[in-house]
Amino acid sequence: MTAGQHDTVWLTGLSGAGKSSIAGALARQLKAQGRAVAVLDGDQLRHGLNRDLGFTPEDRHENIRRAAEVARLMNGAGLTVIAAFISPYRADRAMAADIIGAAHFIEVHVSTPLAVCEARDAKGLYGKARAGQLAQFTGISAPYEAPLAAALTLDTGTLALDESVERLCHYLQRRT
């Protein structure tokens, strides 16, 4: 197996930044190249494995810990994992890198500006957060700590989905 095929691509950014869209499109592209791929999506995990967790800093930490443990197991089984999580705290992303293994953890910052994320808000979450109806919402009433040294930064406010995926694929190809 080629180096880099057992990695976790960790997409971090605000709600509405495009993490899940990028994860799905990247998974399709990598599968077309013959890679075994799995997507871990924050919203999906919160409906199952992590349904007992809220959005306090402690619960967010546990959410990321569990996701990283699953990613590590999947990497060990030979899968490339694409993880799409807001993961707002640098310390939690560092913990995920430690669990997965720094050599296999690729942090990608989906750095889409807050105004663009709010404009895309199909679920109305930003409006609820600004109205005080949704506590601890990242970017409004809870912090987001941008990565200090992401492997790659993608701004989906200026990049189309296919351009973002192309840049990610190019990055991954250079790693192998």
N, C-alpha and C. Protein backbone atom coordinates (compact mmCIF):
# COMPACT_ATOMS: atom_id res chain seq x y z
N MET A 1 0.86 -1.19 0.00
CA MET A 1 0.00 0.00 0.00
C MET A 1 0.89 1.23 0.00
N THR A 2 0.54 2.19 -0.77
CA THR A 2 1.31 3.42 -0.90
C THR A 2 1.19 4.26 0.36
N ALA A 3 2.29 4.90 0.75
CA ALA A 3 2.25 5.82 1.88
C ALA A 3 1.18 6.86 1.65
N GLY A 4 0.52 7.27 2.70
CA GLY A 4 -0.50 8.29 2.59
C GLY A 4 -1.90 7.73 2.41
N GLN A 5 -2.02 6.44 2.12
CA GLN A 5 -3.35 5.87 1.92
C GLN A 5 -4.00 5.45 3.23
N HIS A 6 -3.32 5.62 4.33
CA HIS A 6 -3.89 5.31 5.64
C HIS A 6 -3.94 6.56 6.49
N ASP A 7 -4.21 7.67 5.86
CA ASP A 7 -4.22 8.96 6.54
C ASP A 7 -5.64 9.40 6.87
N THR A 8 -5.72 10.38 7.76
CA THR A 8 -6.97 11.05 8.05
C THR A 8 -6.84 12.50 7.61
N VAL A 9 -7.72 12.90 6.71
CA VAL A 9 -7.82 14.29 6.28
C VAL A 9 -8.86 14.92 7.20
N TRP A 10 -8.43 15.83 8.07
CA TRP A 10 -9.31 16.44 9.08
C TRP A 10 -9.72 17.84 8.60
N LEU A 11 -10.96 17.97 8.16
CA LEU A 11 -11.49 19.25 7.69
C LEU A 11 -12.09 19.99 8.88
N THR A 12 -11.58 21.17 9.17
CA THR A 12 -12.07 21.99 10.27
C THR A 12 -12.48 23.36 9.76
N GLY A 13 -13.54 23.89 10.33
CA GLY A 13 -14.02 25.21 9.94
C GLY A 13 -15.40 25.45 10.50
N LEU A 14 -15.91 26.64 10.29
CA LEU A 14 -17.22 27.03 10.81
C LEU A 14 -18.34 26.21 10.18
N SER A 15 -19.48 26.21 10.84
CA SER A 15 -20.69 25.62 10.28
C SER A 15 -21.01 26.35 8.98
N GLY A 16 -21.28 25.59 7.93
CA GLY A 16 -21.60 26.20 6.64
C GLY A 16 -20.38 26.51 5.78
N ALA A 17 -19.19 26.16 6.25
CA ALA A 17 -17.97 26.46 5.50
C ALA A 17 -17.82 25.57 4.26
N GLY A 18 -18.44 24.40 4.29
CA GLY A 18 -18.33 23.49 3.16
C GLY A 18 -17.58 22.20 3.46
N LYS A 19 -17.35 21.92 4.73
CA LYS A 19 -16.59 20.73 5.12
C LYS A 19 -17.23 19.44 4.62
N SER A 20 -18.52 19.29 4.86
CA SER A 20 -19.21 18.05 4.46
C SER A 20 -19.27 17.90 2.95
N SER A 21 -19.47 19.00 2.24
CA SER A 21 -19.49 18.94 0.78
C SER A 21 -18.13 18.53 0.24
N ILE A 22 -17.08 19.11 0.79
CA ILE A 22 -15.72 18.75 0.37
C ILE A 22 -15.45 17.29 0.70
N ALA A 23 -15.84 16.86 1.90
CA ALA A 23 -15.60 15.47 2.32
C ALA A 23 -16.26 14.49 1.35
N GLY A 24 -17.50 14.74 1.00
CA GLY A 24 -18.21 13.84 0.09
C GLY A 24 -17.59 13.81 -1.29
N ALA A 25 -17.26 14.97 -1.82
CA ALA A 25 -16.67 15.05 -3.16
C ALA A 25 -15.27 14.44 -3.18
N LEU A 26 -14.49 14.69 -2.13
CA LEU A 26 -13.15 14.11 -2.06
C LEU A 26 -13.23 12.59 -1.95
N ALA A 27 -14.17 12.09 -1.17
CA ALA A 27 -14.34 10.64 -1.04
C ALA A 27 -14.66 10.02 -2.40
N ARG A 28 -15.55 10.63 -3.15
CA ARG A 28 -15.88 10.10 -4.48
C ARG A 28 -14.65 10.09 -5.39
N GLN A 29 -13.86 11.16 -5.33
CA GLN A 29 -12.66 11.26 -6.17
C GLN A 29 -11.63 10.19 -5.78
N LEU A 30 -11.40 10.02 -4.49
CA LEU A 30 -10.42 9.03 -4.04
C LEU A 30 -10.88 7.61 -4.34
N LYS A 31 -12.17 7.35 -4.20
CA LYS A 31 -12.70 6.03 -4.54
C LYS A 31 -12.50 5.75 -6.02
N ALA A 32 -12.69 6.77 -6.85
CA ALA A 32 -12.49 6.61 -8.29
C ALA A 32 -11.04 6.29 -8.62
N GLN A 33 -10.12 6.69 -7.73
CA GLN A 33 -8.69 6.40 -7.90
C GLN A 33 -8.33 5.04 -7.31
N GLY A 34 -9.31 4.34 -6.75
CA GLY A 34 -9.07 3.01 -6.20
C GLY A 34 -8.75 2.97 -4.72
N ARG A 35 -8.89 4.07 -4.03
CA ARG A 35 -8.62 4.08 -2.60
C ARG A 35 -9.84 3.62 -1.81
N ALA A 36 -9.57 2.96 -0.70
CA ALA A 36 -10.62 2.61 0.26
C ALA A 36 -10.79 3.82 1.18
N VAL A 37 -11.98 4.38 1.22
CA VAL A 37 -12.23 5.66 1.88
C VAL A 37 -13.45 5.57 2.78
N ALA A 38 -13.38 6.27 3.91
CA ALA A 38 -14.54 6.43 4.79
C ALA A 38 -14.65 7.90 5.17
N VAL A 39 -15.88 8.39 5.29
CA VAL A 39 -16.13 9.75 5.72
C VAL A 39 -16.72 9.73 7.12
N LEU A 40 -16.14 10.52 8.01
CA LEU A 40 -16.71 10.75 9.34
C LEU A 40 -17.20 12.19 9.36
N ASP A 41 -18.50 12.36 9.53
CA ASP A 41 -19.09 13.69 9.51
C ASP A 41 -19.64 14.02 10.90
N GLY A 42 -19.32 15.22 11.39
CA GLY A 42 -19.72 15.62 12.73
C GLY A 42 -21.21 15.52 12.97
N ASP A 43 -22.02 16.00 12.01
CA ASP A 43 -23.48 15.94 12.17
C ASP A 43 -23.95 14.50 12.25
N GLN A 44 -23.42 13.64 11.40
CA GLN A 44 -23.83 12.24 11.40
C GLN A 44 -23.44 11.54 12.70
N LEU A 45 -22.23 11.79 13.20
CA LEU A 45 -21.82 11.15 14.45
C LEU A 45 -22.65 11.63 15.63
N ARG A 46 -23.11 12.87 15.58
CA ARG A 46 -23.94 13.39 16.68
C ARG A 46 -25.35 12.78 16.67
N HIS A 47 -25.74 12.12 15.59
CA HIS A 47 -27.03 11.43 15.56
C HIS A 47 -26.90 9.98 16.00
N GLY A 48 -25.70 9.50 16.20
CA GLY A 48 -25.49 8.12 16.58
C GLY A 48 -24.50 8.00 17.73
N LEU A 49 -23.26 7.71 17.39
CA LEU A 49 -22.21 7.47 18.37
C LEU A 49 -22.11 8.57 19.42
N ASN A 50 -22.28 9.81 19.01
CA ASN A 50 -22.09 10.94 19.93
C ASN A 50 -23.39 11.65 20.29
N ARG A 51 -24.51 10.95 20.20
CA ARG A 51 -25.81 11.59 20.47
C ARG A 51 -25.97 12.00 21.93
N ASP A 52 -25.15 11.45 22.81
CA ASP A 52 -25.23 11.78 24.24
C ASP A 52 -24.45 13.05 24.59
N LEU A 53 -23.85 13.69 23.59
CA LEU A 53 -23.00 14.86 23.85
C LEU A 53 -23.69 16.14 23.42
N GLY A 54 -23.44 17.19 24.19
CA GLY A 54 -23.94 18.52 23.86
C GLY A 54 -22.83 19.34 23.23
N PHE A 55 -22.85 20.64 23.50
CA PHE A 55 -21.89 21.54 22.86
C PHE A 55 -21.06 22.33 23.86
N THR A 56 -20.99 21.84 25.10
CA THR A 56 -20.09 22.47 26.06
C THR A 56 -18.66 22.18 25.61
N PRO A 57 -17.69 22.95 26.08
CA PRO A 57 -16.30 22.63 25.71
C PRO A 57 -15.92 21.19 26.05
N GLU A 58 -16.40 20.69 27.19
CA GLU A 58 -16.08 19.31 27.59
C GLU A 58 -16.71 18.30 26.62
N ASP A 59 -17.95 18.53 26.23
CA ASP A 59 -18.61 17.63 25.30
C ASP A 59 -17.99 17.71 23.90
N ARG A 60 -17.59 18.91 23.49
CA ARG A 60 -16.92 19.04 22.20
C ARG A 60 -15.59 18.25 22.23
N HIS A 61 -14.88 18.33 23.33
CA HIS A 61 -13.63 17.59 23.49
C HIS A 61 -13.88 16.09 23.33
N GLU A 62 -14.90 15.58 24.01
CA GLU A 62 -15.21 14.16 23.95
C GLU A 62 -15.67 13.76 22.54
N ASN A 63 -16.42 14.61 21.89
CA ASN A 63 -16.86 14.37 20.51
C ASN A 63 -15.64 14.16 19.60
N ILE A 64 -14.66 15.03 19.73
CA ILE A 64 -13.47 14.94 18.89
C ILE A 64 -12.61 13.73 19.29
N ARG A 65 -12.53 13.45 20.58
CA ARG A 65 -11.76 12.27 21.03
C ARG A 65 -12.33 11.00 20.42
N ARG A 66 -13.65 10.84 20.50
CA ARG A 66 -14.29 9.65 19.94
C ARG A 66 -14.08 9.56 18.43
N ALA A 67 -14.26 10.68 17.75
CA ALA A 67 -14.07 10.69 16.29
C ALA A 67 -12.64 10.31 15.92
N ALA A 68 -11.68 10.83 16.66
CA ALA A 68 -10.27 10.51 16.38
C ALA A 68 -9.98 9.03 16.62
N GLU A 69 -10.56 8.47 17.66
CA GLU A 69 -10.36 7.04 17.93
C GLU A 69 -10.93 6.20 16.80
N VAL A 70 -12.11 6.57 16.30
CA VAL A 70 -12.70 5.84 15.17
C VAL A 70 -11.83 6.01 13.93
N ALA A 71 -11.36 7.21 13.67
CA ALA A 71 -10.49 7.45 12.51
C ALA A 71 -9.22 6.60 12.61
N ARG A 72 -8.63 6.55 13.79
CA ARG A 72 -7.41 5.74 13.98
C ARG A 72 -7.68 4.27 13.66
N LEU A 73 -8.80 3.75 14.15
CA LEU A 73 -9.15 2.36 13.88
C LEU A 73 -9.35 2.13 12.39
N MET A 74 -10.02 3.06 11.74
CA MET A 74 -10.25 2.94 10.29
C MET A 74 -8.95 3.03 9.51
N ASN A 75 -8.05 3.94 9.91
CA ASN A 75 -6.73 4.02 9.26
C ASN A 75 -6.01 2.68 9.42
N GLY A 76 -6.09 2.12 10.61
CA GLY A 76 -5.44 0.83 10.87
C GLY A 76 -6.00 -0.30 10.03
N ALA A 77 -7.26 -0.17 9.63
CA ALA A 77 -7.91 -1.17 8.77
C ALA A 77 -7.64 -0.90 7.29
N GLY A 78 -6.83 0.11 6.99
CA GLY A 78 -6.45 0.37 5.61
C GLY A 78 -7.27 1.41 4.88
N LEU A 79 -8.05 2.19 5.62
CA LEU A 79 -8.89 3.20 4.99
C LEU A 79 -8.28 4.59 5.10
N THR A 80 -8.47 5.38 4.06
CA THR A 80 -8.23 6.81 4.15
C THR A 80 -9.50 7.38 4.75
N VAL A 81 -9.37 8.19 5.78
CA VAL A 81 -10.53 8.77 6.46
C VAL A 81 -10.59 10.26 6.15
N ILE A 82 -11.78 10.72 5.82
CA ILE A 82 -12.02 12.15 5.65
C ILE A 82 -12.97 12.55 6.76
N ALA A 83 -12.47 13.35 7.69
CA ALA A 83 -13.23 13.75 8.88
C ALA A 83 -13.66 15.21 8.73
N ALA A 84 -14.96 15.46 8.81
CA ALA A 84 -15.50 16.81 8.68
C ALA A 84 -16.13 17.22 10.01
N PHE A 85 -15.39 18.02 10.78
CA PHE A 85 -15.84 18.44 12.10
C PHE A 85 -15.50 19.92 12.28
N ILE A 86 -16.43 20.66 12.88
CA ILE A 86 -16.11 22.05 13.22
C ILE A 86 -14.83 22.05 14.04
N SER A 87 -14.75 21.20 15.04
CA SER A 87 -13.59 21.05 15.92
C SER A 87 -12.95 22.41 16.22
N PRO A 88 -13.64 23.24 17.00
CA PRO A 88 -13.25 24.64 17.14
C PRO A 88 -11.99 24.92 17.96
N TYR A 89 -11.54 23.94 18.73
CA TYR A 89 -10.41 24.21 19.64
C TYR A 89 -9.12 23.57 19.14
N ARG A 90 -8.06 24.37 19.10
CA ARG A 90 -6.75 23.86 18.67
C ARG A 90 -6.30 22.68 19.51
N ALA A 91 -6.52 22.76 20.82
CA ALA A 91 -6.09 21.68 21.71
C ALA A 91 -6.78 20.37 21.36
N ASP A 92 -8.06 20.43 20.98
CA ASP A 92 -8.77 19.21 20.62
C ASP A 92 -8.27 18.64 19.30
N ARG A 93 -7.94 19.51 18.36
CA ARG A 93 -7.38 19.01 17.10
C ARG A 93 -5.98 18.43 17.33
N ALA A 94 -5.22 19.02 18.24
CA ALA A 94 -3.90 18.46 18.58
C ALA A 94 -4.07 17.09 19.23
N MET A 95 -5.08 16.96 20.08
CA MET A 95 -5.37 15.66 20.70
C MET A 95 -5.72 14.65 19.61
N ALA A 96 -6.54 15.05 18.64
CA ALA A 96 -6.91 14.14 17.54
C ALA A 96 -5.66 13.71 16.77
N ALA A 97 -4.76 14.64 16.52
CA ALA A 97 -3.51 14.30 15.83
C ALA A 97 -2.68 13.30 16.64
N ASP A 98 -2.66 13.48 17.96
CA ASP A 98 -1.93 12.54 18.83
C ASP A 98 -2.55 11.14 18.78
N ILE A 99 -3.87 11.09 18.81
CA ILE A 99 -4.57 9.79 18.78
C ILE A 99 -4.35 9.09 17.44
N ILE A 100 -4.53 9.82 16.37
CA ILE A 100 -4.42 9.25 15.03
C ILE A 100 -2.96 8.98 14.67
N GLY A 101 -2.09 9.82 15.17
CA GLY A 101 -0.66 9.78 14.83
C GLY A 101 -0.36 10.96 13.93
N ALA A 102 0.53 11.82 14.37
CA ALA A 102 0.82 13.06 13.65
C ALA A 102 1.19 12.81 12.19
N ALA A 103 1.86 11.71 11.90
CA ALA A 103 2.28 11.41 10.53
C ALA A 103 1.10 11.08 9.63
N HIS A 104 -0.04 10.75 10.21
CA HIS A 104 -1.22 10.36 9.43
C HIS A 104 -2.36 11.36 9.53
N PHE A 105 -2.14 12.47 10.23
CA PHE A 105 -3.17 13.49 10.47
C PHE A 105 -2.90 14.68 9.57
N ILE A 106 -3.83 14.98 8.68
CA ILE A 106 -3.68 16.10 7.75
C ILE A 106 -4.77 17.12 8.09
N GLU A 107 -4.36 18.21 8.72
CA GLU A 107 -5.32 19.25 9.11
C GLU A 107 -5.56 20.19 7.94
N VAL A 108 -6.82 20.30 7.54
CA VAL A 108 -7.20 21.19 6.44
C VAL A 108 -8.19 22.21 6.99
N HIS A 109 -7.82 23.48 6.89
CA HIS A 109 -8.68 24.55 7.39
C HIS A 109 -9.58 25.03 6.26
N VAL A 110 -10.87 24.80 6.43
CA VAL A 110 -11.85 25.34 5.49
C VAL A 110 -12.18 26.72 6.05
N SER A 111 -11.46 27.72 5.54
CA SER A 111 -11.38 29.04 6.18
C SER A 111 -12.43 30.04 5.67
N THR A 112 -13.54 29.54 5.24
CA THR A 112 -14.59 30.38 4.68
C THR A 112 -15.03 31.44 5.69
N PRO A 113 -15.12 32.70 5.28
CA PRO A 113 -15.49 33.77 6.20
C PRO A 113 -16.88 33.58 6.82
N LEU A 114 -17.04 34.07 8.03
CA LEU A 114 -18.29 33.97 8.77
C LEU A 114 -19.47 34.49 7.95
N ALA A 115 -19.32 35.61 7.28
CA ALA A 115 -20.43 36.19 6.50
C ALA A 115 -20.89 35.23 5.40
N VAL A 116 -19.96 34.54 4.77
CA VAL A 116 -20.32 33.57 3.73
C VAL A 116 -21.03 32.38 4.35
N CYS A 117 -20.53 31.90 5.48
CA CYS A 117 -21.17 30.78 6.18
C CYS A 117 -22.59 31.13 6.58
N GLU A 118 -22.78 32.34 7.10
CA GLU A 118 -24.12 32.78 7.50
C GLU A 118 -25.05 32.87 6.29
N ALA A 119 -24.55 33.34 5.17
CA ALA A 119 -25.38 33.46 3.97
C ALA A 119 -25.82 32.09 3.46
N ARG A 120 -25.04 31.05 3.74
CA ARG A 120 -25.35 29.68 3.30
C ARG A 120 -26.24 28.94 4.28
N ASP A 121 -26.56 29.52 5.39
CA ASP A 121 -27.19 28.85 6.53
C ASP A 121 -28.59 28.32 6.22
N ALA A 122 -28.65 27.14 5.61
CA ALA A 122 -29.92 26.54 5.22
C ALA A 122 -30.79 26.15 6.42
N LYS A 123 -30.16 25.84 7.55
CA LYS A 123 -30.91 25.40 8.73
C LYS A 123 -31.32 26.55 9.64
N GLY A 124 -30.86 27.75 9.35
CA GLY A 124 -31.22 28.90 10.18
C GLY A 124 -30.51 28.94 11.52
N LEU A 125 -29.40 28.22 11.65
CA LEU A 125 -28.70 28.14 12.94
C LEU A 125 -28.04 29.45 13.33
N TYR A 126 -27.45 30.14 12.37
CA TYR A 126 -26.81 31.41 12.70
C TYR A 126 -27.83 32.44 13.17
N GLY A 127 -28.99 32.48 12.51
CA GLY A 127 -30.05 33.39 12.93
C GLY A 127 -30.50 33.10 14.34
N LYS A 128 -30.67 31.82 14.67
CA LYS A 128 -31.07 31.43 16.03
C LYS A 128 -29.98 31.81 17.03
N ALA A 129 -28.73 31.60 16.66
CA ALA A 129 -27.63 31.95 17.56
C ALA A 129 -27.57 33.45 17.79
N ARG A 130 -27.73 34.23 16.75
CA ARG A 130 -27.69 35.69 16.90
C ARG A 130 -28.88 36.21 17.70
N ALA A 131 -29.99 35.47 17.67
CA ALA A 131 -31.18 35.86 18.43
C ALA A 131 -31.12 35.34 19.87
N GLY A 132 -30.02 34.65 20.22
CA GLY A 132 -29.87 34.13 21.57
C GLY A 132 -30.66 32.85 21.82
N GLN A 133 -31.16 32.22 20.78
CA GLN A 133 -31.95 31.00 20.91
C GLN A 133 -31.11 29.73 20.85
N LEU A 134 -29.86 29.89 20.50
CA LEU A 134 -28.96 28.74 20.37
C LEU A 134 -27.66 29.09 21.08
N ALA A 135 -27.46 28.46 22.22
CA ALA A 135 -26.27 28.76 23.03
C ALA A 135 -25.04 28.04 22.48
N GLN A 136 -23.89 28.58 22.76
CA GLN A 136 -22.60 27.97 22.44
C GLN A 136 -22.46 27.59 20.97
N PHE A 137 -22.86 28.52 20.09
CA PHE A 137 -22.75 28.28 18.66
C PHE A 137 -21.43 28.85 18.16
N THR A 138 -20.62 28.01 17.59
CA THR A 138 -19.28 28.38 17.15
C THR A 138 -19.33 29.54 16.15
N GLY A 139 -18.51 30.53 16.43
CA GLY A 139 -18.41 31.70 15.57
C GLY A 139 -19.30 32.84 16.01
N ILE A 140 -20.30 32.55 16.85
CA ILE A 140 -21.21 33.58 17.34
C ILE A 140 -21.07 33.70 18.86
N SER A 141 -21.49 32.67 19.58
CA SER A 141 -21.44 32.72 21.04
C SER A 141 -20.41 31.76 21.63
N ALA A 142 -19.65 31.11 20.77
CA ALA A 142 -18.56 30.23 21.19
C ALA A 142 -17.39 30.45 20.22
N PRO A 143 -16.18 30.31 20.70
CA PRO A 143 -15.02 30.63 19.86
C PRO A 143 -14.71 29.57 18.80
N TYR A 144 -14.02 30.01 17.77
CA TYR A 144 -13.38 29.12 16.80
C TYR A 144 -11.92 29.53 16.74
N GLU A 145 -11.04 28.60 17.04
CA GLU A 145 -9.60 28.85 17.00
C GLU A 145 -9.04 28.28 15.70
N ALA A 146 -8.76 29.15 14.77
CA ALA A 146 -8.25 28.73 13.47
C ALA A 146 -6.90 28.04 13.64
N PRO A 147 -6.62 27.05 12.81
CA PRO A 147 -5.30 26.39 12.87
C PRO A 147 -4.17 27.39 12.66
N LEU A 148 -3.07 27.17 13.34
CA LEU A 148 -1.90 28.03 13.18
C LEU A 148 -1.01 27.55 12.04
N ALA A 149 -1.06 26.26 11.75
CA ALA A 149 -0.20 25.71 10.70
C ALA A 149 -0.89 24.55 9.99
N ALA A 150 -2.04 24.82 9.39
CA ALA A 150 -2.76 23.78 8.65
C ALA A 150 -1.92 23.31 7.47
N ALA A 151 -2.09 22.05 7.11
CA ALA A 151 -1.39 21.52 5.94
C ALA A 151 -1.89 22.21 4.67
N LEU A 152 -3.17 22.58 4.69
CA LEU A 152 -3.79 23.20 3.53
C LEU A 152 -4.92 24.09 4.02
N THR A 153 -5.14 25.21 3.37
CA THR A 153 -6.24 26.11 3.69
C THR A 153 -7.10 26.29 2.44
N LEU A 154 -8.41 26.14 2.60
CA LEU A 154 -9.35 26.27 1.50
C LEU A 154 -10.43 27.27 1.90
N ASP A 155 -10.64 28.28 1.10
CA ASP A 155 -11.71 29.26 1.34
C ASP A 155 -12.78 29.01 0.29
N THR A 156 -13.86 28.35 0.70
CA THR A 156 -14.92 28.03 -0.25
C THR A 156 -15.77 29.25 -0.60
N GLY A 157 -15.45 30.39 0.00
CA GLY A 157 -16.07 31.64 -0.43
C GLY A 157 -15.49 32.11 -1.75
N THR A 158 -14.27 31.68 -2.04
CA THR A 158 -13.62 32.07 -3.31
C THR A 158 -13.32 30.87 -4.20
N LEU A 159 -13.28 29.66 -3.63
CA LEU A 159 -13.01 28.46 -4.41
C LEU A 159 -14.30 27.66 -4.61
N ALA A 160 -14.52 27.19 -5.82
CA ALA A 160 -15.63 26.29 -6.09
C ALA A 160 -15.31 24.93 -5.46
N LEU A 161 -16.33 24.11 -5.28
CA LEU A 161 -16.14 22.80 -4.68
C LEU A 161 -15.12 21.98 -5.46
N ASP A 162 -15.22 21.94 -6.77
CA ASP A 162 -14.28 21.14 -7.55
C ASP A 162 -12.84 21.65 -7.43
N GLU A 163 -12.68 22.97 -7.29
CA GLU A 163 -11.34 23.53 -7.10
C GLU A 163 -10.77 23.12 -5.74
N SER A 164 -11.60 23.13 -4.71
CA SER A 164 -11.16 22.72 -3.38
C SER A 164 -10.73 21.27 -3.38
N VAL A 165 -11.52 20.42 -4.02
CA VAL A 165 -11.20 18.99 -4.09
C VAL A 165 -9.95 18.76 -4.91
N GLU A 166 -9.80 19.50 -6.01
CA GLU A 166 -8.60 19.38 -6.85
C GLU A 166 -7.35 19.73 -6.03
N ARG A 167 -7.41 20.81 -5.26
CA ARG A 167 -6.26 21.19 -4.42
C ARG A 167 -5.95 20.12 -3.38
N LEU A 168 -6.99 19.56 -2.78
CA LEU A 168 -6.78 18.51 -1.79
C LEU A 168 -6.17 17.26 -2.44
N CYS A 169 -6.69 16.86 -3.58
CA CYS A 169 -6.14 15.69 -4.27
C CYS A 169 -4.68 15.91 -4.65
N HIS A 170 -4.38 17.10 -5.14
CA HIS A 170 -3.00 17.43 -5.50
C HIS A 170 -2.10 17.33 -4.26
N TYR A 171 -2.57 17.86 -3.14
CA TYR A 171 -1.79 17.78 -1.90
C TYR A 171 -1.56 16.31 -1.50
N LEU A 172 -2.61 15.51 -1.56
CA LEU A 172 -2.49 14.11 -1.17
C LEU A 172 -1.55 13.35 -2.10
N GLN A 173 -1.59 13.66 -3.38
CA GLN A 173 -0.70 13.00 -4.34
C GLN A 173 0.77 13.31 -4.05
N ARG A 174 1.03 14.54 -3.62
CA ARG A 174 2.42 14.92 -3.27
C ARG A 174 2.90 14.17 -2.04
N ARG A 175 1.98 13.77 -1.17
CA ARG A 175 2.36 13.05 0.06
C ARG A 175 2.73 11.60 -0.20
N THR A 176 2.26 11.04 -1.29
CA THR A 176 2.50 9.61 -1.54
C THR A 176 3.83 9.36 -2.19
